[in-house]
Amino acid sequence: MTRDAGTIRERIFQALIQRYKADGEEALVKIDALIRGEVVPGHNDVTGDIDKLLAKVADAEEKMATLRRHYGTN
């Protein structure tokens, strides 16, 4: 999609979808690193951090679903 393609509504919709996908993927990468033990030495609360990251993934997925439900089908 070129910068001028689509209506402003479509561009906003796509920008938000991309943001939510990136937020979810970033959290999943961090979870993978924690599970594999690729963390900074002295890291204390692995399960607590994974729980917080999973909440970010769920939040991003819920935002995408809500956006699609109310404003589009993409």
C-alpha atoms as a PDB file:
ATOM      1  CA  MET A   1       0.000   0.000   0.000  1.00  0.00           C
ATOM      2  CA  THR A   2       1.413   3.356  -0.957  1.00  0.00           C
ATOM      3  CA  ARG A   3       1.171   6.230   1.426  1.00  0.00           C
ATOM      4  CA  ASP A   4      -1.622   7.864  -0.597  1.00  0.00           C
ATOM      5  CA  ALA A   5      -3.607   4.656  -1.161  1.00  0.00           C
ATOM      6  CA  GLY A   6      -6.905   4.267   0.654  1.00  0.00           C
ATOM      7  CA  THR A   7      -8.978   6.559   2.728  1.00  0.00           C
ATOM      8  CA  ILE A   8      -7.685   8.063   5.948  1.00  0.00           C
ATOM      9  CA  ARG A   9     -10.001   5.655   7.802  1.00  0.00           C
ATOM     10  CA  GLU A  10      -8.409   2.666   6.058  1.00  0.00           C
ATOM     11  CA  ARG A  11      -4.922   3.985   6.757  1.00  0.00           C
ATOM     12  CA  ILE A  12      -5.691   4.524  10.444  1.00  0.00           C
ATOM     13  CA  PHE A  13      -7.223   1.048  10.649  1.00  0.00           C
ATOM     14  CA  GLN A  14      -4.118  -0.533   9.088  1.00  0.00           C
ATOM     15  CA  ALA A  15      -1.752   1.501  11.277  1.00  0.00           C
ATOM     16  CA  LEU A  16      -3.539   0.314  14.407  1.00  0.00           C
ATOM     17  CA  ILE A  17      -3.547  -3.327  13.255  1.00  0.00           C
ATOM     18  CA  GLN A  18       0.192  -3.111  12.585  1.00  0.00           C
ATOM     19  CA  ARG A  19       0.767  -1.554  16.015  1.00  0.00           C
ATOM     20  CA  TYR A  20      -1.160  -4.309  17.795  1.00  0.00           C
ATOM     21  CA  LYS A  21       0.630  -7.041  15.837  1.00  0.00           C
ATOM     22  CA  ALA A  22       3.999  -5.513  16.700  1.00  0.00           C
ATOM     23  CA  ASP A  23       3.086  -5.150  20.382  1.00  0.00           C
ATOM     24  CA  GLY A  24       2.008  -8.783  20.565  1.00  0.00           C
ATOM     25  CA  GLU A  25       5.055 -10.054  18.696  1.00  0.00           C
ATOM     26  CA  GLU A  26       7.429  -8.044  20.882  1.00  0.00           C
ATOM     27  CA  ALA A  27       5.905  -9.579  24.005  1.00  0.00           C
ATOM     28  CA  LEU A  28       6.116 -13.097  22.518  1.00  0.00           C
ATOM     29  CA  VAL A  29       9.809 -12.624  21.696  1.00  0.00           C
ATOM     30  CA  LYS A  30      10.479 -11.566  25.280  1.00  0.00           C
ATOM     31  CA  ILE A  31       8.526 -14.567  26.612  1.00  0.00           C
ATOM     32  CA  ASP A  32      10.577 -16.886  24.393  1.00  0.00           C
ATOM     33  CA  ALA A  33      13.791 -15.352  25.718  1.00  0.00           C
ATOM     34  CA  LEU A  34      12.648 -15.781  29.313  1.00  0.00           C
ATOM     35  CA  ILE A  35      11.600 -19.392  28.764  1.00  0.00           C
ATOM     36  CA  ARG A  36      14.918 -20.232  27.086  1.00  0.00           C
ATOM     37  CA  GLY A  37      16.837 -18.650  29.948  1.00  0.00           C
ATOM     38  CA  GLU A  38      18.199 -15.851  27.750  1.00  0.00           C
ATOM     39  CA  VAL A  39      17.800 -13.228  30.446  1.00  0.00           C
ATOM     40  CA  VAL A  40      19.993 -10.870  32.373  1.00  0.00           C
ATOM     41  CA  PRO A  41      21.699 -12.581  35.342  1.00  0.00           C
ATOM     42  CA  GLY A  42      19.939 -11.878  38.604  1.00  0.00           C
ATOM     43  CA  HIS A  43      16.510 -11.867  37.016  1.00  0.00           C
ATOM     44  CA  ASN A  44      14.174 -12.818  39.852  1.00  0.00           C
ATOM     45  CA  ASP A  45      10.558 -12.949  38.752  1.00  0.00           C
ATOM     46  CA  VAL A  46      10.434 -14.914  35.502  1.00  0.00           C
ATOM     47  CA  THR A  47       6.872 -16.150  35.992  1.00  0.00           C
ATOM     48  CA  GLY A  48       5.644 -12.705  36.987  1.00  0.00           C
ATOM     49  CA  ASP A  49       7.281 -11.163  33.935  1.00  0.00           C
ATOM     50  CA  ILE A  50       5.838 -13.834  31.639  1.00  0.00           C
ATOM     51  CA  ASP A  51       2.409 -13.206  33.151  1.00  0.00           C
ATOM     52  CA  LYS A  52       2.707  -9.468  32.413  1.00  0.00           C
ATOM     53  CA  LEU A  53       3.908 -10.159  28.868  1.00  0.00           C
ATOM     54  CA  LEU A  54       1.030 -12.577  28.247  1.00  0.00           C
ATOM     55  CA  ALA A  55      -1.337  -9.826  29.351  1.00  0.00           C
ATOM     56  CA  LYS A  56       0.221  -7.574  26.686  1.00  0.00           C
ATOM     57  CA  VAL A  57      -0.305 -10.265  24.032  1.00  0.00           C
ATOM     58  CA  ALA A  58      -3.926 -10.743  25.110  1.00  0.00           C
ATOM     59  CA  ASP A  59      -4.487  -6.985  25.165  1.00  0.00           C
ATOM     60  CA  ALA A  60      -3.096  -6.567  21.645  1.00  0.00           C
ATOM     61  CA  GLU A  61      -5.219  -9.468  20.341  1.00  0.00           C
ATOM     62  CA  GLU A  62      -8.328  -8.086  22.003  1.00  0.00           C
ATOM     63  CA  LYS A  63      -7.711  -4.622  20.576  1.00  0.00           C
ATOM     64  CA  MET A  64      -7.352  -6.082  17.074  1.00  0.00           C
ATOM     65  CA  ALA A  65     -10.535  -8.107  17.468  1.00  0.00           C
ATOM     66  CA  THR A  66     -12.456  -5.110  18.790  1.00  0.00           C
ATOM     67  CA  LEU A  67     -11.194  -2.854  16.017  1.00  0.00           C
ATOM     68  CA  ARG A  68     -12.167  -5.421  13.379  1.00  0.00           C
ATOM     69  CA  ARG A  69     -15.552  -6.061  14.978  1.00  0.00           C
ATOM     70  CA  HIS A  70     -16.533  -2.402  15.043  1.00  0.00           C
ATOM     71  CA  TYR A  71     -14.621  -0.805  12.186  1.00  0.00           C
ATOM     72  CA  GLY A  72     -13.643  -3.295   9.516  1.00  0.00           C
ATOM     73  CA  THR A  73     -12.933  -6.757   8.305  1.00  0.00           C
ATOM     74  CA  ASN A  74      -9.158  -6.600   7.671  1.00  0.00           C
END
